[in-house]
């Protein structure tokens, strides 16, 4: 499990340990089995000691998790689900999303194709959007609020699309994540109104 992530990218902080979560259940089973084996010479007291040790470690880790407010993060991550469901129910099946932070969650929750903008050459964005349209896909740009300045900094000097100077097609109410339709840019320049859905 660890080997599969060694070449992923430098881990920025302890939150990256979540990638190792699938290894935890077998690790716990093996730890308890090893502990039981070490305490076997104590006879009937061994299972009781194993339970006490496992309970003490579990309570200690649960207390640490509560101090770090781990159990409160579910609500802050809900916007990935909300946006995925919105896309699945409201946007075309042949939609393709140019994204980064949402690239995995959007594919999972909506089944739509995604392309990571951080892997696109700055001079190729316009070509990519045109090519997707030629192939009868509908391109969108999906960004978290903090990604908008990064996207603009990367693309604005090479294509008008990089400016993101038109209203988004949809905005998530709590996170501020936005879905832009490149086809709306021209409409905005012509003064036509673009309705923006609020994703709840």
C-alpha atoms as a PDB file:
ATOM      1  CA  UNK A   1       0.000   0.000   0.000  1.00  0.00           C
ATOM      2  CA  UNK A   2       2.789   2.385   0.919  1.00  0.00           C
ATOM      3  CA  UNK A   3       4.748   1.494  -2.210  1.00  0.00           C
ATOM      4  CA  UNK A   4       1.826   2.494  -4.436  1.00  0.00           C
ATOM      5  CA  UNK A   5       1.993   6.077  -3.088  1.00  0.00           C
ATOM      6  CA  UNK A   6       5.763   6.544  -2.853  1.00  0.00           C
ATOM      7  CA  UNK A   7       5.876   8.119  -6.310  1.00  0.00           C
ATOM      8  CA  UNK A   8       2.523   9.926  -6.053  1.00  0.00           C
ATOM      9  CA  UNK A   9       3.906  13.337  -5.038  1.00  0.00           C
ATOM     10  CA  UNK A  10       5.511  14.886  -1.952  1.00  0.00           C
ATOM     11  CA  UNK A  11       3.076  14.652   0.952  1.00  0.00           C
ATOM     12  CA  UNK A  12       2.311  18.201   2.119  1.00  0.00           C
ATOM     13  CA  UNK A  13       1.082  17.381   5.634  1.00  0.00           C
ATOM     14  CA  UNK A  14      -0.405  14.644   7.826  1.00  0.00           C
ATOM     15  CA  UNK A  15      -3.741  14.792   5.940  1.00  0.00           C
ATOM     16  CA  UNK A  16      -2.053  12.851   3.145  1.00  0.00           C
ATOM     17  CA  UNK A  17      -2.049   9.798   5.418  1.00  0.00           C
ATOM     18  CA  UNK A  18      -5.681   9.301   4.393  1.00  0.00           C
ATOM     19  CA  UNK A  19      -4.343   7.609   1.258  1.00  0.00           C
ATOM     20  CA  UNK A  20      -3.152   4.768   3.482  1.00  0.00           C
ATOM     21  CA  UNK A  21      -6.563   4.158   5.107  1.00  0.00           C
ATOM     22  CA  UNK A  22      -7.268   0.961   3.096  1.00  0.00           C
ATOM     23  CA  UNK A  23      -4.253  -0.631   4.807  1.00  0.00           C
ATOM     24  CA  UNK A  24      -5.525   0.094   8.328  1.00  0.00           C
ATOM     25  CA  UNK A  25      -8.025  -2.809   8.842  1.00  0.00           C
ATOM     26  CA  UNK A  26      -5.504  -5.578   8.048  1.00  0.00           C
ATOM     27  CA  UNK A  27      -2.898  -3.677  10.066  1.00  0.00           C
ATOM     28  CA  UNK A  28      -5.224  -3.606  13.091  1.00  0.00           C
ATOM     29  CA  UNK A  29      -5.969  -7.330  12.802  1.00  0.00           C
ATOM     30  CA  UNK A  30      -2.274  -8.167  12.535  1.00  0.00           C
ATOM     31  CA  UNK A  31      -1.442  -5.917  15.504  1.00  0.00           C
ATOM     32  CA  UNK A  32      -4.031  -7.593  17.741  1.00  0.00           C
ATOM     33  CA  UNK A  33      -2.868 -11.045  16.585  1.00  0.00           C
ATOM     34  CA  UNK A  34       0.758 -10.165  17.385  1.00  0.00           C
ATOM     35  CA  UNK A  35      -0.236  -8.746  20.779  1.00  0.00           C
ATOM     36  CA  UNK A  36      -2.261 -11.872  21.591  1.00  0.00           C
ATOM     37  CA  UNK A  37       0.720 -14.013  20.612  1.00  0.00           C
ATOM     38  CA  UNK A  38       3.094 -12.058  22.847  1.00  0.00           C
ATOM     39  CA  UNK A  39       0.730 -12.273  25.833  1.00  0.00           C
ATOM     40  CA  UNK A  40      -0.196 -15.958  25.355  1.00  0.00           C
ATOM     41  CA  UNK A  41       2.212 -17.130  28.122  1.00  0.00           C
ATOM     42  CA  UNK A  42       0.044 -15.234  30.630  1.00  0.00           C
ATOM     43  CA  UNK A  43      -2.741 -17.791  30.131  1.00  0.00           C
ATOM     44  CA  UNK A  44      -6.334 -16.711  30.801  1.00  0.00           C
ATOM     45  CA  UNK A  45      -5.298 -13.145  31.565  1.00  0.00           C
ATOM     46  CA  UNK A  46      -4.000 -12.660  27.995  1.00  0.00           C
ATOM     47  CA  UNK A  47      -7.379 -11.940  26.302  1.00  0.00           C
ATOM     48  CA  UNK A  48      -8.311  -9.484  29.073  1.00  0.00           C
ATOM     49  CA  UNK A  49      -4.979  -7.651  28.727  1.00  0.00           C
ATOM     50  CA  UNK A  50      -5.373  -7.534  24.937  1.00  0.00           C
ATOM     51  CA  UNK A  51      -8.822  -5.951  25.367  1.00  0.00           C
ATOM     52  CA  UNK A  52      -7.509  -3.409  27.891  1.00  0.00           C
ATOM     53  CA  UNK A  53      -4.566  -2.405  25.673  1.00  0.00           C
ATOM     54  CA  UNK A  54      -6.689  -2.172  22.509  1.00  0.00           C
ATOM     55  CA  UNK A  55      -9.386  -0.156  24.338  1.00  0.00           C
ATOM     56  CA  UNK A  56      -6.821   2.239  25.841  1.00  0.00           C
ATOM     57  CA  UNK A  57      -5.150   2.843  22.471  1.00  0.00           C
ATOM     58  CA  UNK A  58      -8.533   3.276  20.740  1.00  0.00           C
ATOM     59  CA  UNK A  59      -9.780   5.787  23.349  1.00  0.00           C
ATOM     60  CA  UNK A  60      -6.520   7.713  23.115  1.00  0.00           C
ATOM     61  CA  UNK A  61      -6.746   7.960  19.326  1.00  0.00           C
ATOM     62  CA  UNK A  62     -10.454   8.906  19.485  1.00  0.00           C
ATOM     63  CA  UNK A  63      -9.630  11.701  21.954  1.00  0.00           C
ATOM     64  CA  UNK A  64      -6.859  12.944  19.650  1.00  0.00           C
ATOM     65  CA  UNK A  65      -9.250  12.877  16.675  1.00  0.00           C
ATOM     66  CA  UNK A  66     -11.827  14.908  18.610  1.00  0.00           C
ATOM     67  CA  UNK A  67      -9.201  17.477  19.613  1.00  0.00           C
ATOM     68  CA  UNK A  68      -8.218  17.839  15.947  1.00  0.00           C
ATOM     69  CA  UNK A  69     -11.923  18.095  14.972  1.00  0.00           C
ATOM     70  CA  UNK A  70     -11.621  15.185  12.548  1.00  0.00           C
ATOM     71  CA  UNK A  71     -15.274  14.190  12.937  1.00  0.00           C
ATOM     72  CA  UNK A  72     -16.431  17.664  11.889  1.00  0.00           C
ATOM     73  CA  UNK A  73     -14.770  17.440   8.462  1.00  0.00           C
ATOM     74  CA  UNK A  74     -17.561  15.404   6.897  1.00  0.00           C
ATOM     75  CA  UNK A  75     -19.708  18.520   6.525  1.00  0.00           C
ATOM     76  CA  UNK A  76     -16.923  20.514   4.926  1.00  0.00           C
ATOM     77  CA  UNK A  77     -16.352  17.767   2.359  1.00  0.00           C
ATOM     78  CA  UNK A  78     -20.056  17.427   1.470  1.00  0.00           C
ATOM     79  CA  UNK A  79     -19.747  19.936  -1.377  1.00  0.00           C
ATOM     80  CA  UNK A  80     -17.942  17.337  -3.502  1.00  0.00           C
ATOM     81  CA  UNK A  81     -21.035  15.127  -3.288  1.00  0.00           C
ATOM     82  CA  UNK A  82     -23.428  18.051  -3.848  1.00  0.00           C
ATOM     83  CA  UNK A  83     -21.618  19.205  -6.988  1.00  0.00           C
ATOM     84  CA  UNK A  84     -21.323  15.668  -8.352  1.00  0.00           C
ATOM     85  CA  UNK A  85     -25.061  15.100  -7.924  1.00  0.00           C
ATOM     86  CA  UNK A  86     -25.883  18.461  -9.501  1.00  0.00           C
ATOM     87  CA  UNK A  87     -23.741  17.644 -12.539  1.00  0.00           C
ATOM     88  CA  UNK A  88     -25.258  14.163 -12.853  1.00  0.00           C
ATOM     89  CA  UNK A  89     -28.813  15.476 -12.784  1.00  0.00           C
ATOM     90  CA  UNK A  90     -28.583  18.844 -14.543  1.00  0.00           C
ATOM     91  CA  UNK A  91     -25.739  18.858 -17.077  1.00  0.00           C
ATOM     92  CA  UNK A  92     -25.307  16.930 -20.347  1.00  0.00           C
ATOM     93  CA  UNK A  93     -24.025  13.362 -20.375  1.00  0.00           C
ATOM     94  CA  UNK A  94     -21.321  14.387 -22.840  1.00  0.00           C
ATOM     95  CA  UNK A  95     -20.027  17.105 -20.542  1.00  0.00           C
ATOM     96  CA  UNK A  96     -16.279  17.216 -19.907  1.00  0.00           C
ATOM     97  CA  UNK A  97     -14.943  19.159 -16.926  1.00  0.00           C
ATOM     98  CA  UNK A  98     -11.633  20.965 -16.898  1.00  0.00           C
ATOM     99  CA  UNK A  99     -10.802  20.844 -13.224  1.00  0.00           C
ATOM    100  CA  UNK A 100      -8.206  19.801 -10.685  1.00  0.00           C
ATOM    101  CA  UNK A 101      -9.466  19.596  -7.112  1.00  0.00           C
ATOM    102  CA  UNK A 102     -12.774  18.045  -8.239  1.00  0.00           C
ATOM    103  CA  UNK A 103     -11.334  15.811 -10.956  1.00  0.00           C
ATOM    104  CA  UNK A 104     -11.623  12.560  -8.993  1.00  0.00           C
ATOM    105  CA  UNK A 105     -14.776  13.227  -6.964  1.00  0.00           C
ATOM    106  CA  UNK A 106     -16.683  14.505  -9.996  1.00  0.00           C
ATOM    107  CA  UNK A 107     -15.937  11.361 -11.988  1.00  0.00           C
ATOM    108  CA  UNK A 108     -17.015   9.256  -9.026  1.00  0.00           C
ATOM    109  CA  UNK A 109     -20.278  11.054  -8.212  1.00  0.00           C
ATOM    110  CA  UNK A 110     -21.398  12.072 -11.710  1.00  0.00           C
ATOM    111  CA  UNK A 111     -19.690   9.665 -14.121  1.00  0.00           C
ATOM    112  CA  UNK A 112     -18.586  12.611 -16.286  1.00  0.00           C
ATOM    113  CA  UNK A 113     -15.158  12.891 -17.875  1.00  0.00           C
ATOM    114  CA  UNK A 114     -12.613  15.237 -16.311  1.00  0.00           C
ATOM    115  CA  UNK A 115      -9.362  16.826 -17.496  1.00  0.00           C
ATOM    116  CA  UNK A 116      -6.888  18.346 -15.044  1.00  0.00           C
ATOM    117  CA  UNK A 117      -6.060  21.939 -15.900  1.00  0.00           C
ATOM    118  CA  UNK A 118      -2.728  21.726 -14.060  1.00  0.00           C
ATOM    119  CA  UNK A 119      -1.615  19.182 -16.680  1.00  0.00           C
ATOM    120  CA  UNK A 120      -2.714  21.305 -19.659  1.00  0.00           C
ATOM    121  CA  UNK A 121      -0.074  23.451 -21.361  1.00  0.00           C
ATOM    122  CA  UNK A 122      -1.019  27.126 -21.033  1.00  0.00           C
ATOM    123  CA  UNK A 123      -1.096  27.641 -24.817  1.00  0.00           C
ATOM    124  CA  UNK A 124      -3.323  24.582 -25.388  1.00  0.00           C
ATOM    125  CA  UNK A 125      -6.459  25.468 -23.410  1.00  0.00           C
ATOM    126  CA  UNK A 126      -8.228  27.203 -26.305  1.00  0.00           C
ATOM    127  CA  UNK A 127      -7.305  24.360 -28.676  1.00  0.00           C
ATOM    128  CA  UNK A 128      -8.552  21.792 -26.143  1.00  0.00           C
ATOM    129  CA  UNK A 129     -11.960  23.463 -25.746  1.00  0.00           C
ATOM    130  CA  UNK A 130     -12.324  23.714 -29.535  1.00  0.00           C
ATOM    131  CA  UNK A 131     -11.323  20.077 -30.000  1.00  0.00           C
ATOM    132  CA  UNK A 132     -13.798  18.884 -27.359  1.00  0.00           C
ATOM    133  CA  UNK A 133     -16.586  20.730 -29.138  1.00  0.00           C
ATOM    134  CA  UNK A 134     -15.509  19.217 -32.467  1.00  0.00           C
ATOM    135  CA  UNK A 135     -15.820  15.777 -30.856  1.00  0.00           C
ATOM    136  CA  UNK A 136     -19.353  16.738 -29.699  1.00  0.00           C
ATOM    137  CA  UNK A 137     -18.496  17.115 -26.035  1.00  0.00           C
ATOM    138  CA  UNK A 138     -19.638  20.081 -23.957  1.00  0.00           C
ATOM    139  CA  UNK A 139     -16.665  21.528 -22.033  1.00  0.00           C
ATOM    140  CA  UNK A 140     -17.057  23.154 -18.630  1.00  0.00           C
ATOM    141  CA  UNK A 141     -14.558  24.542 -16.143  1.00  0.00           C
ATOM    142  CA  UNK A 142     -15.064  23.553 -12.493  1.00  0.00           C
ATOM    143  CA  UNK A 143     -12.977  25.343  -9.863  1.00  0.00           C
ATOM    144  CA  UNK A 144     -12.834  25.760  -6.120  1.00  0.00           C
ATOM    145  CA  UNK A 145     -12.767  29.381  -4.989  1.00  0.00           C
ATOM    146  CA  UNK A 146      -9.018  29.211  -4.229  1.00  0.00           C
ATOM    147  CA  UNK A 147      -8.301  27.730  -7.676  1.00  0.00           C
ATOM    148  CA  UNK A 148      -9.713  30.674  -9.649  1.00  0.00           C
ATOM    149  CA  UNK A 149      -6.635  32.938  -9.196  1.00  0.00           C
ATOM    150  CA  UNK A 150      -4.330  30.014 -10.076  1.00  0.00           C
ATOM    151  CA  UNK A 151      -6.325  29.238 -13.212  1.00  0.00           C
ATOM    152  CA  UNK A 152      -6.277  32.882 -14.295  1.00  0.00           C
ATOM    153  CA  UNK A 153      -2.554  33.241 -13.588  1.00  0.00           C
ATOM    154  CA  UNK A 154      -1.800  30.208 -15.731  1.00  0.00           C
ATOM    155  CA  UNK A 155      -4.044  30.851 -18.753  1.00  0.00           C
ATOM    156  CA  UNK A 156      -5.076  34.506 -18.998  1.00  0.00           C
ATOM    157  CA  UNK A 157      -2.022  35.571 -21.049  1.00  0.00           C
ATOM    158  CA  UNK A 158      -2.503  32.843 -23.640  1.00  0.00           C
ATOM    159  CA  UNK A 159      -6.291  32.743 -24.166  1.00  0.00           C
ATOM    160  CA  UNK A 160      -9.361  34.902 -23.406  1.00  0.00           C
ATOM    161  CA  UNK A 161     -10.841  31.844 -21.645  1.00  0.00           C
ATOM    162  CA  UNK A 162      -8.176  32.208 -18.974  1.00  0.00           C
ATOM    163  CA  UNK A 163      -9.732  35.450 -17.725  1.00  0.00           C
ATOM    164  CA  UNK A 164     -12.915  33.716 -16.486  1.00  0.00           C
ATOM    165  CA  UNK A 165     -14.599  37.093 -16.935  1.00  0.00           C
ATOM    166  CA  UNK A 166     -18.163  35.826 -17.281  1.00  0.00           C
ATOM    167  CA  UNK A 167     -20.677  34.609 -14.673  1.00  0.00           C
ATOM    168  CA  UNK A 168     -20.520  30.935 -13.684  1.00  0.00           C
ATOM    169  CA  UNK A 169     -23.308  28.589 -14.702  1.00  0.00           C
ATOM    170  CA  UNK A 170     -23.552  27.287 -11.107  1.00  0.00           C
ATOM    171  CA  UNK A 171     -22.070  28.111  -7.689  1.00  0.00           C
ATOM    172  CA  UNK A 172     -22.031  25.929  -4.593  1.00  0.00           C
ATOM    173  CA  UNK A 173     -23.661  27.915  -1.782  1.00  0.00           C
ATOM    174  CA  UNK A 174     -21.258  27.016   1.048  1.00  0.00           C
ATOM    175  CA  UNK A 175     -17.898  26.332  -0.640  1.00  0.00           C
ATOM    176  CA  UNK A 176     -18.021  28.889  -3.460  1.00  0.00           C
ATOM    177  CA  UNK A 177     -16.989  26.254  -6.017  1.00  0.00           C
ATOM    178  CA  UNK A 178     -18.076  27.394  -9.488  1.00  0.00           C
ATOM    179  CA  UNK A 179     -18.922  25.768 -12.818  1.00  0.00           C
ATOM    180  CA  UNK A 180     -18.143  27.951 -15.860  1.00  0.00           C
ATOM    181  CA  UNK A 181     -19.419  27.244 -19.348  1.00  0.00           C
ATOM    182  CA  UNK A 182     -16.922  28.627 -21.924  1.00  0.00           C
ATOM    183  CA  UNK A 183     -19.852  29.051 -24.330  1.00  0.00           C
ATOM    184  CA  UNK A 184     -21.216  31.759 -22.011  1.00  0.00           C
ATOM    185  CA  UNK A 185     -18.221  34.054 -22.488  1.00  0.00           C
ATOM    186  CA  UNK A 186     -19.461  35.455 -25.775  1.00  0.00           C
ATOM    187  CA  UNK A 187     -23.001  35.847 -24.437  1.00  0.00           C
ATOM    188  CA  UNK A 188     -21.665  37.858 -21.499  1.00  0.00           C
ATOM    189  CA  UNK A 189     -19.698  40.124 -23.818  1.00  0.00           C
ATOM    190  CA  UNK A 190     -22.851  40.781 -25.823  1.00  0.00           C
ATOM    191  CA  UNK A 191     -24.668  41.810 -22.654  1.00  0.00           C
ATOM    192  CA  UNK A 192     -26.954  38.796 -22.499  1.00  0.00           C
ATOM    193  CA  UNK A 193     -27.837  37.602 -18.995  1.00  0.00           C
ATOM    194  CA  UNK A 194     -26.506  34.274 -17.804  1.00  0.00           C
ATOM    195  CA  UNK A 195     -28.563  32.562 -15.086  1.00  0.00           C
ATOM    196  CA  UNK A 196     -26.499  31.087 -12.264  1.00  0.00           C
ATOM    197  CA  UNK A 197     -27.810  28.088 -10.344  1.00  0.00           C
ATOM    198  CA  UNK A 198     -27.090  27.849  -6.629  1.00  0.00           C
ATOM    199  CA  UNK A 199     -26.061  24.313  -5.621  1.00  0.00           C
ATOM    200  CA  UNK A 200     -27.185  23.489  -2.090  1.00  0.00           C
END
